[in-house]
Protein backbone atom coordinates (compact mmCIF):
# COMPACT_ATOMS: atom_id res chain seq x y z
CA UNK A 1 140.24 27.61 -20.42
CA UNK A 2 137.50 28.65 -22.99
CA UNK A 3 137.38 32.21 -21.51
CA UNK A 4 141.22 32.56 -22.71
CA UNK A 5 140.03 30.80 -26.24
CA UNK A 6 138.40 34.20 -27.33
CA UNK A 7 141.12 36.24 -26.29
CA UNK A 8 143.36 34.13 -28.11
CA UNK A 9 141.43 34.56 -31.17
CA UNK A 10 141.03 37.94 -31.31
CA UNK A 11 144.92 38.66 -30.90
CA UNK A 12 145.49 35.85 -33.59
CA UNK A 13 143.13 38.10 -36.51
CA UNK A 14 144.67 41.18 -35.29
CA UNK A 15 148.24 40.17 -36.06
CA UNK A 16 146.95 38.49 -39.37
CA UNK A 17 145.58 41.93 -40.59
CA UNK A 18 148.39 44.59 -40.80
CA UNK A 19 146.83 48.07 -39.64
CA UNK A 20 148.09 51.06 -41.05
CA UNK A 21 148.16 55.11 -40.28
CA UNK A 22 146.50 57.45 -42.97
CA UNK A 23 147.20 60.84 -42.97
CA UNK A 24 145.37 64.08 -44.96
CA UNK A 25 148.46 66.15 -46.32
CA UNK A 26 148.66 69.67 -47.59
CA UNK A 27 150.50 69.54 -50.52
CA UNK A 28 150.99 73.69 -50.03
CA UNK A 29 153.11 73.19 -46.79
CA UNK A 30 153.93 69.34 -47.21
CA UNK A 31 152.59 68.87 -43.88
CA UNK A 32 149.75 67.35 -41.95
CA UNK A 33 146.24 68.62 -41.56
CA UNK A 34 145.92 69.77 -37.96
CA UNK A 35 142.97 69.84 -35.81
CA UNK A 36 143.72 72.08 -32.52
CA UNK A 37 146.88 71.89 -33.47
CA UNK A 38 147.22 67.75 -33.62
CA UNK A 39 147.81 66.01 -36.67
CA UNK A 40 145.13 63.94 -38.33
CA UNK A 41 146.15 60.93 -38.53
CA UNK A 42 143.53 57.37 -38.54
CA UNK A 43 144.53 53.74 -37.70
CA UNK A 44 142.60 51.46 -40.25
CA UNK A 45 142.98 48.08 -41.59
CA UNK A 46 141.51 49.23 -44.56
CA UNK A 47 144.20 52.39 -46.20
CA UNK A 48 142.73 52.58 -49.39
CA UNK A 49 139.37 52.95 -48.27
CA UNK A 50 140.05 55.55 -45.47
CA UNK A 51 142.31 57.70 -48.18
CA UNK A 52 139.14 57.62 -50.33
CA UNK A 53 137.03 58.96 -47.61
CA UNK A 54 139.37 61.57 -46.63
CA UNK A 55 139.93 63.11 -49.80
CA UNK A 56 136.16 63.14 -50.55
CA UNK A 57 134.80 66.67 -51.22
CA UNK A 58 138.80 67.83 -50.86
CA UNK A 59 140.63 69.50 -53.75
CA UNK A 60 143.47 66.89 -55.14
CA UNK A 61 145.43 69.99 -56.01
CA UNK A 62 145.72 71.05 -52.67
CA UNK A 63 145.34 67.43 -50.16
CA UNK A 64 147.06 64.08 -50.63
CA UNK A 65 147.13 61.20 -48.29
CA UNK A 66 150.27 59.70 -46.54
CA UNK A 67 149.46 55.70 -45.76
CA UNK A 68 152.03 53.97 -43.27
CA UNK A 69 152.07 50.37 -42.14
CA UNK A 70 152.31 49.71 -38.60
CA UNK A 71 154.15 47.10 -36.60
CA UNK A 72 152.81 44.60 -34.47
CA UNK A 73 153.00 47.07 -31.31
CA UNK A 74 151.32 49.95 -33.03
CA UNK A 75 154.63 51.68 -34.05
CA UNK A 76 154.72 53.04 -37.37
CA UNK A 77 157.30 51.66 -39.46
């Protein structure tokens, strides 16, 4: 029983705090920034801080961020 208690607590904490996906968007094309053809998407529980970090040392006239809340299963809403 005690072995399962920590797993239950971990799931309860994760479900209480929502997850977000944060993308870096090129304002010229309106498309997400890609690295080797794969869109740059970060999964986080602190979207504002992650957005700030993505924009650090970038021109805000060229770049923007897009934040989406994710559901419990990890799908974007």
